[in-house]
Amino acid sequence: MRRRAFITLLGGAAAALPLAARAQQPGKSYRVSFLALVPGEDGTLMKAHLERLHELGYVEGQNMTFEYRSAEGRPERLPSLAMELVQANPNVLIAGFGTLAAQAAKAATTTIPVVFATVGDPLGAGIVASLARPGDNVTGLTDQARDVQGKRLQLLQDLVPGMHIVAVLMNPDTPFSRLALEEAEKAAEYAHIQLKVLEARTPDQVPDRFADAAKAEAAALLVLEDPLIYSMRRKVADLAAQFRLPAIYVYRDSAEAGGLMSYGPDRRQLYRRAAEYVDKIMKGAKPADLPVEQPTKFELVINLETARALGLDVPATLLALADAVIE
């Protein structure tokens, strides 16, 4: 999928920019490229990234050329798309949602700066040398913290008291999901909860995993979202409703798609911060000197409509903790 012109998408915002912002680096033009794995990322989170670039004074057709490539959910396409973007010699290459896009971007170039927007464990995945000093030509933002899995289990317990078996939906091929599972297992052991791990590597495997959860008599579901499962968020929410499984997700988008609740970082803000990293690099900063940022705020979103459909009474104490409640 190709996107060469975003003037229509954000032209209004660009026109409203102060003259000082539009005068960013007069006479110089920049090329920014974006590599995505998830289908339709140009219509979702990438908007926040472009909006922030425009606020910082970069306007397509004036002082910026923006190129977008998406593997449309097919990881095997990422290396060739990354090489295609690198051949155009951009000032910065952005890797969108997930570890695999960042790994492909890093493998494609050792000289062009790479900024990843949301990688679960960049250190464990070998993308950076350290979080404080990334090294080489790659830096960015991580959207996860492994220790929040215990918090997610606790939130499920608050909503489904007395639960003993919790299913965990995950893609074992995603590096961070494996690490998140380890943390969930530690938290579950402490809480005397048994986990039933449901592995899904392809979309067609997901419905069968829900059937497995029902056979195991799971009382709730912990969803470890990666690009595969996130791209199926509506289907996953529908299956959770069909099997009457109270589920907690990572991203707000999943709660908005019908999921019961989510607890995780504001990814829109992460994509805006990634744009600020791009700006710093185009002004002369080196990726190796820009620490990888970790999320400091996690938002709880509860879908009351889904709770009612599942026959759940959401405690007032839990509603008071919520950052957003979907009626």
C-alpha atoms as a PDB file:
ATOM      1  CA  MET A   1       0.000   0.000   0.000  1.00  0.00           C
ATOM      2  CA  ARG A   2       1.337   3.439  -0.948  1.00  0.00           C
ATOM      3  CA  ARG A   3       0.669   6.894   0.415  1.00  0.00           C
ATOM      4  CA  ARG A   4       2.557   9.731  -1.227  1.00  0.00           C
ATOM      5  CA  ALA A   5       0.235  12.650  -0.609  1.00  0.00           C
ATOM      6  CA  PHE A   6      -1.238  13.531   2.750  1.00  0.00           C
ATOM      7  CA  ILE A   7      -2.188  17.078   1.843  1.00  0.00           C
ATOM      8  CA  THR A   8      -5.875  16.151   1.749  1.00  0.00           C
ATOM      9  CA  LEU A   9      -5.630  14.337   5.076  1.00  0.00           C
ATOM     10  CA  LEU A  10      -4.071  17.165   7.040  1.00  0.00           C
ATOM     11  CA  GLY A  11      -4.205  20.142   4.722  1.00  0.00           C
ATOM     12  CA  GLY A  12      -6.607  21.992   6.981  1.00  0.00           C
ATOM     13  CA  ALA A  13      -4.348  21.580   9.978  1.00  0.00           C
ATOM     14  CA  ALA A  14      -1.363  22.746   7.953  1.00  0.00           C
ATOM     15  CA  ALA A  15      -3.193  25.855   6.769  1.00  0.00           C
ATOM     16  CA  ALA A  16      -3.969  26.756  10.368  1.00  0.00           C
ATOM     17  CA  LEU A  17      -0.355  26.599  11.483  1.00  0.00           C
ATOM     18  CA  PRO A  18       1.300  29.817  12.673  1.00  0.00           C
ATOM     19  CA  LEU A  19       3.617  31.422  10.146  1.00  0.00           C
ATOM     20  CA  ALA A  20       6.586  30.779  12.432  1.00  0.00           C
ATOM     21  CA  ALA A  21       5.880  27.065  12.464  1.00  0.00           C
ATOM     22  CA  ARG A  22       5.529  26.933   8.698  1.00  0.00           C
ATOM     23  CA  ALA A  23       8.880  28.668   8.357  1.00  0.00           C
ATOM     24  CA  GLN A  24      10.665  25.642   9.872  1.00  0.00           C
ATOM     25  CA  GLN A  25      14.166  25.328   8.373  1.00  0.00           C
ATOM     26  CA  PRO A  26      13.562  27.735   5.440  1.00  0.00           C
ATOM     27  CA  GLY A  27      14.811  26.504   2.103  1.00  0.00           C
ATOM     28  CA  LYS A  28      15.434  22.961   3.283  1.00  0.00           C
ATOM     29  CA  SER A  29      13.260  19.978   2.459  1.00  0.00           C
ATOM     30  CA  TYR A  30      13.127  16.697   4.340  1.00  0.00           C
ATOM     31  CA  ARG A  31      12.110  13.198   3.362  1.00  0.00           C
ATOM     32  CA  VAL A  32      10.355  11.114   6.011  1.00  0.00           C
ATOM     33  CA  SER A  33       9.373   7.479   5.470  1.00  0.00           C
ATOM     34  CA  PHE A  34       6.999   5.280   7.459  1.00  0.00           C
ATOM     35  CA  LEU A  35       7.030   1.463   7.547  1.00  0.00           C
ATOM     36  CA  ALA A  36       3.899  -0.251   8.862  1.00  0.00           C
ATOM     37  CA  LEU A  37       2.867  -3.836   9.482  1.00  0.00           C
ATOM     38  CA  VAL A  38      -0.750  -3.355  10.583  1.00  0.00           C
ATOM     39  CA  PRO A  39      -3.261  -2.700   7.784  1.00  0.00           C
ATOM     40  CA  GLY A  40      -4.676   0.813   7.742  1.00  0.00           C
ATOM     41  CA  GLU A  41      -2.143   2.347  10.096  1.00  0.00           C
ATOM     42  CA  ASP A  42      -2.097   5.443   7.875  1.00  0.00           C
ATOM     43  CA  GLY A  43      -5.730   6.022   8.830  1.00  0.00           C
ATOM     44  CA  THR A  44      -5.271   5.585  12.571  1.00  0.00           C
ATOM     45  CA  LEU A  45      -2.222   6.204  14.751  1.00  0.00           C
ATOM     46  CA  MET A  46      -0.085   7.637  11.970  1.00  0.00           C
ATOM     47  CA  LYS A  47      -2.483  10.596  11.862  1.00  0.00           C
ATOM     48  CA  ALA A  48      -1.282  11.624  15.315  1.00  0.00           C
ATOM     49  CA  HIS A  49       2.304  11.386  14.104  1.00  0.00           C
ATOM     50  CA  LEU A  50       1.655  13.563  11.066  1.00  0.00           C
ATOM     51  CA  GLU A  51      -0.358  16.063  13.073  1.00  0.00           C
ATOM     52  CA  ARG A  52       2.569  16.578  15.414  1.00  0.00           C
ATOM     53  CA  LEU A  53       5.017  16.926  12.512  1.00  0.00           C
ATOM     54  CA  HIS A  54       2.768  19.627  11.064  1.00  0.00           C
ATOM     55  CA  GLU A  55       2.638  21.389  14.422  1.00  0.00           C
ATOM     56  CA  LEU A  56       6.429  21.345  14.431  1.00  0.00           C
ATOM     57  CA  GLY A  57       6.480  23.083  11.059  1.00  0.00           C
ATOM     58  CA  TYR A  58       6.848  20.246   8.536  1.00  0.00           C
ATOM     59  CA  VAL A  59       4.348  20.547   5.698  1.00  0.00           C
ATOM     60  CA  GLU A  60       4.122  18.097   2.845  1.00  0.00           C
ATOM     61  CA  GLY A  61       4.615  19.782  -0.484  1.00  0.00           C
ATOM     62  CA  GLN A  62       6.520  22.651   1.135  1.00  0.00           C
ATOM     63  CA  ASN A  63       9.400  21.345   3.216  1.00  0.00           C
ATOM     64  CA  MET A  64       8.613  17.651   3.623  1.00  0.00           C
ATOM     65  CA  THR A  65       8.070  14.599   1.453  1.00  0.00           C
ATOM     66  CA  PHE A  66       6.311  11.762   3.247  1.00  0.00           C
ATOM     67  CA  GLU A  67       6.257   8.151   2.049  1.00  0.00           C
ATOM     68  CA  TYR A  68       4.281   5.279   3.539  1.00  0.00           C
ATOM     69  CA  ARG A  69       4.505   1.542   2.983  1.00  0.00           C
ATOM     70  CA  SER A  70       2.435  -1.135   4.685  1.00  0.00           C
ATOM     71  CA  ALA A  71       2.924  -4.884   4.736  1.00  0.00           C
ATOM     72  CA  GLU A  72      -0.852  -5.149   5.261  1.00  0.00           C
ATOM     73  CA  GLY A  73      -0.437  -7.627   8.074  1.00  0.00           C
ATOM     74  CA  ARG A  74       2.083  -9.836   6.226  1.00  0.00           C
ATOM     75  CA  PRO A  75       5.400  -9.799   8.143  1.00  0.00           C
ATOM     76  CA  GLU A  76       7.291 -11.466   5.293  1.00  0.00           C
ATOM     77  CA  ARG A  77       6.823  -8.311   3.204  1.00  0.00           C
ATOM     78  CA  LEU A  78       8.516  -6.003   5.713  1.00  0.00           C
ATOM     79  CA  PRO A  79      12.169  -6.525   4.635  1.00  0.00           C
ATOM     80  CA  SER A  80      11.535  -5.682   0.971  1.00  0.00           C
ATOM     81  CA  LEU A  81       9.374  -2.673   1.860  1.00  0.00           C
ATOM     82  CA  ALA A  82      12.041  -1.414   4.247  1.00  0.00           C
ATOM     83  CA  MET A  83      14.687  -1.694   1.544  1.00  0.00           C
ATOM     84  CA  GLU A  84      12.417   0.141  -0.890  1.00  0.00           C
ATOM     85  CA  LEU A  85      12.068   3.043   1.540  1.00  0.00           C
ATOM     86  CA  VAL A  86      15.796   3.072   2.323  1.00  0.00           C
ATOM     87  CA  GLN A  87      16.687   3.307  -1.369  1.00  0.00           C
ATOM     88  CA  ALA A  88      14.937   6.691  -1.463  1.00  0.00           C
ATOM     89  CA  ASN A  89      17.439   7.858   1.203  1.00  0.00           C
ATOM     90  CA  PRO A  90      15.030   9.481   3.697  1.00  0.00           C
ATOM     91  CA  ASN A  91      16.251  11.732   6.487  1.00  0.00           C
ATOM     92  CA  VAL A  92      14.402   9.502   8.964  1.00  0.00           C
ATOM     93  CA  LEU A  93      12.725   6.100   8.683  1.00  0.00           C
ATOM     94  CA  ILE A  94       9.846   5.539  11.122  1.00  0.00           C
ATOM     95  CA  ALA A  95       8.788   2.037  12.159  1.00  0.00           C
ATOM     96  CA  GLY A  96       5.133   1.773  13.134  1.00  0.00           C
ATOM     97  CA  PHE A  97       3.345  -0.539  15.539  1.00  0.00           C
ATOM     98  CA  GLY A  98       5.186  -3.651  16.683  1.00  0.00           C
ATOM     99  CA  THR A  99       8.624  -5.177  16.980  1.00  0.00           C
ATOM    100  CA  LEU A 100       8.804  -6.713  13.506  1.00  0.00           C
ATOM    101  CA  ALA A 101       8.585  -3.378  11.656  1.00  0.00           C
ATOM    102  CA  ALA A 102      11.403  -1.980  13.796  1.00  0.00           C
ATOM    103  CA  GLN A 103      13.549  -5.067  13.229  1.00  0.00           C
ATOM    104  CA  ALA A 104      13.042  -4.807   9.463  1.00  0.00           C
ATOM    105  CA  ALA A 105      13.935  -1.099   9.474  1.00  0.00           C
ATOM    106  CA  LYS A 106      17.066  -1.726  11.536  1.00  0.00           C
ATOM    107  CA  ALA A 107      18.155  -4.560   9.233  1.00  0.00           C
ATOM    108  CA  ALA A 108      17.678  -2.404   6.139  1.00  0.00           C
ATOM    109  CA  THR A 109      20.123   0.364   7.076  1.00  0.00           C
ATOM    110  CA  THR A 110      23.026   1.140   9.376  1.00  0.00           C
ATOM    111  CA  THR A 111      23.237   4.815   8.438  1.00  0.00           C
ATOM    112  CA  ILE A 112      19.727   6.257   8.064  1.00  0.00           C
ATOM    113  CA  PRO A 113      18.201   7.213  11.445  1.00  0.00           C
ATOM    114  CA  VAL A 114      15.368   4.902  12.491  1.00  0.00           C
ATOM    115  CA  VAL A 115      12.673   5.889  15.019  1.00  0.00           C
ATOM    116  CA  PHE A 116      10.295   3.186  16.232  1.00  0.00           C
ATOM    117  CA  ALA A 117       6.930   4.273  17.591  1.00  0.00           C
ATOM    118  CA  THR A 118       5.785   1.304  19.676  1.00  0.00           C
ATOM    119  CA  VAL A 119       8.048  -1.661  20.471  1.00  0.00           C
ATOM    120  CA  GLY A 120       7.299  -3.782  23.517  1.00  0.00           C
ATOM    121  CA  ASP A 121      10.846  -4.769  24.473  1.00  0.00           C
ATOM    122  CA  PRO A 122      13.426  -3.087  22.187  1.00  0.00           C
ATOM    123  CA  LEU A 123      16.306  -4.268  24.350  1.00  0.00           C
ATOM    124  CA  GLY A 124      15.245  -7.915  24.486  1.00  0.00           C
ATOM    125  CA  ALA A 125      14.494  -7.881  20.762  1.00  0.00           C
ATOM    126  CA  GLY A 126      18.031  -6.707  19.990  1.00  0.00           C
ATOM    127  CA  ILE A 127      16.910  -3.426  18.442  1.00  0.00           C
ATOM    128  CA  VAL A 128      18.906  -1.215  20.824  1.00  0.00           C
ATOM    129  CA  ALA A 129      22.012  -1.748  22.938  1.00  0.00           C
ATOM    130  CA  SER A 130      20.403  -0.138  25.983  1.00  0.00           C
ATOM    131  CA  LEU A 131      17.414   2.050  26.759  1.00  0.00           C
ATOM    132  CA  ALA A 132      19.535   4.943  28.027  1.00  0.00           C
ATOM    133  CA  ARG A 133      22.100   4.776  25.202  1.00  0.00           C
ATOM    134  CA  PRO A 134      20.485   3.024  22.229  1.00  0.00           C
ATOM    135  CA  GLY A 135      23.662   3.072  20.109  1.00  0.00           C
ATOM    136  CA  ASP A 136      23.918   2.887  16.323  1.00  0.00           C
ATOM    137  CA  ASN A 137      21.202   4.563  14.259  1.00  0.00           C
ATOM    138  CA  VAL A 138      18.023   3.431  16.064  1.00  0.00           C
ATOM    139  CA  THR A 139      15.914   4.849  18.900  1.00  0.00           C
ATOM    140  CA  GLY A 140      12.265   5.399  19.720  1.00  0.00           C
ATOM    141  CA  LEU A 141       9.526   4.587  22.182  1.00  0.00           C
ATOM    142  CA  THR A 142       8.345   1.466  23.923  1.00  0.00           C
ATOM    143  CA  ASP A 143       4.627   1.118  24.591  1.00  0.00           C
ATOM    144  CA  GLN A 144       4.822  -1.609  27.214  1.00  0.00           C
ATOM    145  CA  ALA A 145       6.026  -2.346  30.700  1.00  0.00           C
ATOM    146  CA  ARG A 146       6.111  -5.986  31.669  1.00  0.00           C
ATOM    147  CA  ASP A 147       5.128  -5.419  35.277  1.00  0.00           C
ATOM    148  CA  VAL A 148       1.655  -4.155  34.312  1.00  0.00           C
ATOM    149  CA  GLN A 149       0.476  -7.722  33.668  1.00  0.00           C
ATOM    150  CA  GLY A 150      -0.067  -8.122  37.411  1.00  0.00           C
ATOM    151  CA  LYS A 151      -2.179  -4.958  37.389  1.00  0.00           C
ATOM    152  CA  ARG A 152      -4.286  -6.313  34.517  1.00  0.00           C
ATOM    153  CA  LEU A 153      -4.900  -9.548  36.396  1.00  0.00           C
ATOM    154  CA  GLN A 154      -5.872  -7.563  39.481  1.00  0.00           C
ATOM    155  CA  LEU A 155      -8.368  -5.532  37.449  1.00  0.00           C
ATOM    156  CA  LEU A 156      -9.912  -8.772  36.185  1.00  0.00           C
ATOM    157  CA  GLN A 157     -10.131 -10.036  39.760  1.00  0.00           C
ATOM    158  CA  ASP A 158     -11.905  -6.850  40.816  1.00  0.00           C
ATOM    159  CA  LEU A 159     -14.493  -7.437  38.108  1.00  0.00           C
ATOM    160  CA  VAL A 160     -14.711 -11.232  38.342  1.00  0.00           C
ATOM    161  CA  PRO A 161     -14.088 -12.057  42.005  1.00  0.00           C
ATOM    162  CA  GLY A 162     -13.286 -15.640  42.828  1.00  0.00           C
ATOM    163  CA  MET A 163     -11.904 -16.497  39.395  1.00  0.00           C
ATOM    164  CA  HIS A 164      -9.471 -19.424  39.373  1.00  0.00           C
ATOM    165  CA  ILE A 165      -8.680 -19.974  35.683  1.00  0.00           C
ATOM    166  CA  VAL A 166      -7.750 -17.160  33.297  1.00  0.00           C
ATOM    167  CA  ALA A 167      -7.095 -17.704  29.599  1.00  0.00           C
ATOM    168  CA  VAL A 168      -4.240 -15.785  27.944  1.00  0.00           C
ATOM    169  CA  LEU A 169      -4.523 -15.040  24.220  1.00  0.00           C
ATOM    170  CA  MET A 170      -1.141 -14.390  22.618  1.00  0.00           C
ATOM    171  CA  ASN A 171       0.970 -14.744  19.501  1.00  0.00           C
ATOM    172  CA  PRO A 172       4.077 -16.715  20.581  1.00  0.00           C
ATOM    173  CA  ASP A 173       6.024 -15.387  17.587  1.00  0.00           C
ATOM    174  CA  THR A 174       5.957 -11.866  19.038  1.00  0.00           C
ATOM    175  CA  PRO A 175       9.015 -11.312  21.275  1.00  0.00           C
ATOM    176  CA  PHE A 176       7.308  -9.073  23.799  1.00  0.00           C
ATOM    177  CA  SER A 177       4.305 -11.379  24.216  1.00  0.00           C
ATOM    178  CA  ARG A 178       6.602 -14.096  25.502  1.00  0.00           C
ATOM    179  CA  LEU A 179       8.089 -11.717  28.071  1.00  0.00           C
ATOM    180  CA  ALA A 180       4.662 -10.427  29.061  1.00  0.00           C
ATOM    181  CA  LEU A 181       3.507 -14.009  29.579  1.00  0.00           C
ATOM    182  CA  GLU A 182       6.380 -14.611  31.993  1.00  0.00           C
ATOM    183  CA  GLU A 183       5.267 -11.621  34.059  1.00  0.00           C
ATOM    184  CA  ALA A 184       1.638 -12.747  33.946  1.00  0.00           C
ATOM    185  CA  GLU A 185       2.657 -16.205  35.137  1.00  0.00           C
ATOM    186  CA  LYS A 186       4.498 -14.724  38.127  1.00  0.00           C
ATOM    187  CA  ALA A 187       1.526 -12.558  39.021  1.00  0.00           C
ATOM    188  CA  ALA A 188      -0.888 -15.459  38.585  1.00  0.00           C
ATOM    189  CA  GLU A 189       1.166 -17.712  40.839  1.00  0.00           C
ATOM    190  CA  TYR A 190       1.146 -15.055  43.544  1.00  0.00           C
ATOM    191  CA  ALA A 191      -2.645 -14.668  43.210  1.00  0.00           C
ATOM    192  CA  HIS A 192      -3.240 -18.464  43.080  1.00  0.00           C
ATOM    193  CA  ILE A 193      -4.675 -18.222  39.566  1.00  0.00           C
ATOM    194  CA  GLN A 194      -4.177 -20.848  36.884  1.00  0.00           C
ATOM    195  CA  LEU A 195      -3.387 -19.583  33.389  1.00  0.00           C
ATOM    196  CA  LYS A 196      -4.551 -21.333  30.231  1.00  0.00           C
ATOM    197  CA  VAL A 197      -2.301 -20.127  27.416  1.00  0.00           C
ATOM    198  CA  LEU A 198      -3.980 -19.812  24.007  1.00  0.00           C
ATOM    199  CA  GLU A 199      -1.433 -19.468  21.195  1.00  0.00           C
ATOM    200  CA  ALA A 200      -2.533 -18.001  17.862  1.00  0.00           C
ATOM    201  CA  ARG A 201      -0.077 -17.306  15.049  1.00  0.00           C
ATOM    202  CA  THR A 202      -2.633 -16.691  12.286  1.00  0.00           C
ATOM    203  CA  PRO A 203      -6.126 -15.135  12.194  1.00  0.00           C
ATOM    204  CA  ASP A 204      -7.837 -18.441  11.462  1.00  0.00           C
ATOM    205  CA  GLN A 205      -6.474 -19.917  14.705  1.00  0.00           C
ATOM    206  CA  VAL A 206      -8.085 -17.329  16.976  1.00  0.00           C
ATOM    207  CA  PRO A 207     -11.680 -18.706  17.030  1.00  0.00           C
ATOM    208  CA  ASP A 208     -10.391 -22.177  17.936  1.00  0.00           C
ATOM    209  CA  ARG A 209      -8.446 -20.715  20.840  1.00  0.00           C
ATOM    210  CA  PHE A 210     -11.650 -19.306  22.296  1.00  0.00           C
ATOM    211  CA  ALA A 211     -13.189 -22.742  22.066  1.00  0.00           C
ATOM    212  CA  ASP A 212     -10.165 -24.023  23.992  1.00  0.00           C
ATOM    213  CA  ALA A 213     -10.763 -21.385  26.672  1.00  0.00           C
ATOM    214  CA  ALA A 214     -14.349 -22.578  27.053  1.00  0.00           C
ATOM    215  CA  LYS A 215     -13.220 -26.192  27.387  1.00  0.00           C
ATOM    216  CA  ALA A 216     -10.770 -25.151  30.095  1.00  0.00           C
ATOM    217  CA  GLU A 217     -13.632 -23.367  31.909  1.00  0.00           C
ATOM    218  CA  ALA A 218     -11.712 -20.097  31.992  1.00  0.00           C
ATOM    219  CA  ALA A 219     -13.519 -17.379  33.920  1.00  0.00           C
ATOM    220  CA  ALA A 220     -11.802 -14.459  32.178  1.00  0.00           C
ATOM    221  CA  LEU A 221      -9.354 -13.581  29.416  1.00  0.00           C
ATOM    222  CA  LEU A 222      -6.068 -11.676  29.400  1.00  0.00           C
ATOM    223  CA  VAL A 223      -5.236 -10.465  25.872  1.00  0.00           C
ATOM    224  CA  LEU A 224      -1.576  -9.805  25.028  1.00  0.00           C
ATOM    225  CA  GLU A 225      -2.004  -7.663  21.946  1.00  0.00           C
ATOM    226  CA  ASP A 226       0.530  -7.679  19.136  1.00  0.00           C
ATOM    227  CA  PRO A 227       0.009  -6.474  15.539  1.00  0.00           C
ATOM    228  CA  LEU A 228      -1.835  -9.700  14.643  1.00  0.00           C
ATOM    229  CA  ILE A 229      -4.282  -9.683  17.547  1.00  0.00           C
ATOM    230  CA  TYR A 230      -4.663  -5.899  17.511  1.00  0.00           C
ATOM    231  CA  SER A 231      -5.637  -5.974  13.823  1.00  0.00           C
ATOM    232  CA  MET A 232      -8.399  -8.450  14.789  1.00  0.00           C
ATOM    233  CA  ARG A 233      -9.635  -6.434  17.771  1.00  0.00           C
ATOM    234  CA  ARG A 234     -13.280  -6.339  16.666  1.00  0.00           C
ATOM    235  CA  LYS A 235     -13.301 -10.049  15.932  1.00  0.00           C
ATOM    236  CA  VAL A 236     -11.621 -10.815  19.256  1.00  0.00           C
ATOM    237  CA  ALA A 237     -14.149  -8.645  21.123  1.00  0.00           C
ATOM    238  CA  ASP A 238     -17.013 -10.401  19.309  1.00  0.00           C
ATOM    239  CA  LEU A 239     -15.604 -13.821  20.208  1.00  0.00           C
ATOM    240  CA  ALA A 240     -15.172 -12.792  23.842  1.00  0.00           C
ATOM    241  CA  ALA A 241     -18.839 -11.750  23.882  1.00  0.00           C
ATOM    242  CA  GLN A 242     -19.913 -14.958  22.137  1.00  0.00           C
ATOM    243  CA  PHE A 243     -18.080 -17.129  24.679  1.00  0.00           C
ATOM    244  CA  ARG A 244     -19.064 -14.779  27.518  1.00  0.00           C
ATOM    245  CA  LEU A 245     -15.482 -14.197  28.585  1.00  0.00           C
ATOM    246  CA  PRO A 246     -14.755 -10.975  30.474  1.00  0.00           C
ATOM    247  CA  ALA A 247     -11.538  -9.774  28.848  1.00  0.00           C
ATOM    248  CA  ILE A 248      -8.922  -7.121  29.483  1.00  0.00           C
ATOM    249  CA  TYR A 249      -6.883  -5.725  26.608  1.00  0.00           C
ATOM    250  CA  VAL A 250      -3.820  -3.523  26.295  1.00  0.00           C
ATOM    251  CA  TYR A 251      -5.114  -0.765  24.044  1.00  0.00           C
ATOM    252  CA  ARG A 252      -8.035   1.620  24.309  1.00  0.00           C
ATOM    253  CA  ASP A 253      -8.931   0.859  20.671  1.00  0.00           C
ATOM    254  CA  SER A 254      -9.956  -2.646  21.732  1.00  0.00           C
ATOM    255  CA  ALA A 255     -12.338  -1.364  24.407  1.00  0.00           C
ATOM    256  CA  GLU A 256     -13.783   1.042  21.844  1.00  0.00           C
ATOM    257  CA  ALA A 257     -14.224  -1.911  19.472  1.00  0.00           C
ATOM    258  CA  GLY A 258     -16.420  -3.698  22.022  1.00  0.00           C
ATOM    259  CA  GLY A 259     -13.874  -5.163  24.418  1.00  0.00           C
ATOM    260  CA  LEU A 260     -14.739  -5.092  28.112  1.00  0.00           C
ATOM    261  CA  MET A 261     -11.802  -3.037  29.353  1.00  0.00           C
ATOM    262  CA  SER A 262      -8.246  -2.035  28.548  1.00  0.00           C
ATOM    263  CA  TYR A 263      -5.271  -0.967  30.571  1.00  0.00           C
ATOM    264  CA  GLY A 264      -2.267   0.429  28.753  1.00  0.00           C
ATOM    265  CA  PRO A 265      -0.475   3.544  27.468  1.00  0.00           C
ATOM    266  CA  ASP A 266      -1.981   6.271  25.313  1.00  0.00           C
ATOM    267  CA  ARG A 267      -0.496   5.210  21.980  1.00  0.00           C
ATOM    268  CA  ARG A 268      -1.628   8.389  20.231  1.00  0.00           C
ATOM    269  CA  GLN A 269       0.665  10.303  22.559  1.00  0.00           C
ATOM    270  CA  LEU A 270       3.501   7.875  21.816  1.00  0.00           C
ATOM    271  CA  TYR A 271       3.174   8.526  18.077  1.00  0.00           C
ATOM    272  CA  ARG A 272       3.231  12.270  18.749  1.00  0.00           C
ATOM    273  CA  ARG A 273       6.398  11.831  20.802  1.00  0.00           C
ATOM    274  CA  ALA A 274       7.915   9.811  17.951  1.00  0.00           C
ATOM    275  CA  ALA A 275       7.338  12.843  15.710  1.00  0.00           C
ATOM    276  CA  GLU A 276       9.269  14.956  18.210  1.00  0.00           C
ATOM    277  CA  TYR A 277      12.157  12.492  17.974  1.00  0.00           C
ATOM    278  CA  VAL A 278      12.034  12.842  14.193  1.00  0.00           C
ATOM    279  CA  ASP A 279      12.177  16.615  14.574  1.00  0.00           C
ATOM    280  CA  LYS A 280      15.196  16.402  16.890  1.00  0.00           C
ATOM    281  CA  ILE A 281      17.049  14.139  14.469  1.00  0.00           C
ATOM    282  CA  MET A 282      16.333  16.366  11.491  1.00  0.00           C
ATOM    283  CA  LYS A 283      17.736  19.251  13.532  1.00  0.00           C
ATOM    284  CA  GLY A 284      20.986  17.356  14.069  1.00  0.00           C
ATOM    285  CA  ALA A 285      20.502  15.019  17.057  1.00  0.00           C
ATOM    286  CA  LYS A 286      21.906  11.499  16.780  1.00  0.00           C
ATOM    287  CA  PRO A 287      19.624   8.520  17.489  1.00  0.00           C
ATOM    288  CA  ALA A 288      22.343   6.986  19.659  1.00  0.00           C
ATOM    289  CA  ASP A 289      22.066   9.970  22.011  1.00  0.00           C
ATOM    290  CA  LEU A 290      18.262   9.883  22.342  1.00  0.00           C
ATOM    291  CA  PRO A 291      17.162   7.486  25.112  1.00  0.00           C
ATOM    292  CA  VAL A 292      14.335   5.075  24.426  1.00  0.00           C
ATOM    293  CA  GLU A 293      11.276   6.460  26.194  1.00  0.00           C
ATOM    294  CA  GLN A 294       9.051   4.242  28.316  1.00  0.00           C
ATOM    295  CA  PRO A 295       5.416   5.005  29.118  1.00  0.00           C
ATOM    296  CA  THR A 296       4.812   6.671  32.457  1.00  0.00           C
ATOM    297  CA  LYS A 297       1.009   6.805  32.392  1.00  0.00           C
ATOM    298  CA  PHE A 298      -1.395   3.968  31.780  1.00  0.00           C
ATOM    299  CA  GLU A 299      -5.085   4.531  31.151  1.00  0.00           C
ATOM    300  CA  LEU A 300      -7.961   2.326  32.247  1.00  0.00           C
ATOM    301  CA  VAL A 301     -10.942   2.245  29.891  1.00  0.00           C
ATOM    302  CA  ILE A 302     -14.140   0.372  30.760  1.00  0.00           C
ATOM    303  CA  ASN A 303     -16.907  -0.461  28.293  1.00  0.00           C
ATOM    304  CA  LEU A 304     -20.081  -0.456  30.385  1.00  0.00           C
ATOM    305  CA  GLU A 305     -22.245  -1.597  27.480  1.00  0.00           C
ATOM    306  CA  THR A 306     -20.135  -4.755  27.155  1.00  0.00           C
ATOM    307  CA  ALA A 307     -20.204  -5.264  30.930  1.00  0.00           C
ATOM    308  CA  ARG A 308     -23.992  -5.142  30.938  1.00  0.00           C
ATOM    309  CA  ALA A 309     -24.170  -7.585  28.020  1.00  0.00           C
ATOM    310  CA  LEU A 310     -21.997  -9.992  30.017  1.00  0.00           C
ATOM    311  CA  GLY A 311     -24.164  -9.535  33.103  1.00  0.00           C
ATOM    312  CA  LEU A 312     -21.348  -7.941  35.077  1.00  0.00           C
ATOM    313  CA  ASP A 313     -21.826  -5.358  37.790  1.00  0.00           C
ATOM    314  CA  VAL A 314     -18.827  -3.039  37.623  1.00  0.00           C
ATOM    315  CA  PRO A 315     -17.872  -1.959  41.161  1.00  0.00           C
ATOM    316  CA  ALA A 316     -18.067   1.758  41.857  1.00  0.00           C
ATOM    317  CA  THR A 317     -14.465   1.669  43.064  1.00  0.00           C
ATOM    318  CA  LEU A 318     -13.345   0.361  39.668  1.00  0.00           C
ATOM    319  CA  LEU A 319     -15.375   2.971  37.791  1.00  0.00           C
ATOM    320  CA  ALA A 320     -13.764   5.659  39.928  1.00  0.00           C
ATOM    321  CA  LEU A 321     -10.334   4.476  38.782  1.00  0.00           C
ATOM    322  CA  ALA A 322     -11.265   4.559  35.086  1.00  0.00           C
ATOM    323  CA  ASP A 323      -9.821   7.244  32.831  1.00  0.00           C
ATOM    324  CA  ALA A 324     -12.694   6.721  30.415  1.00  0.00           C
ATOM    325  CA  VAL A 325     -16.048   4.913  30.566  1.00  0.00           C
ATOM    326  CA  ILE A 326     -17.783   3.875  27.352  1.00  0.00           C
ATOM    327  CA  GLU A 327     -21.553   3.935  27.728  1.00  0.00           C
END
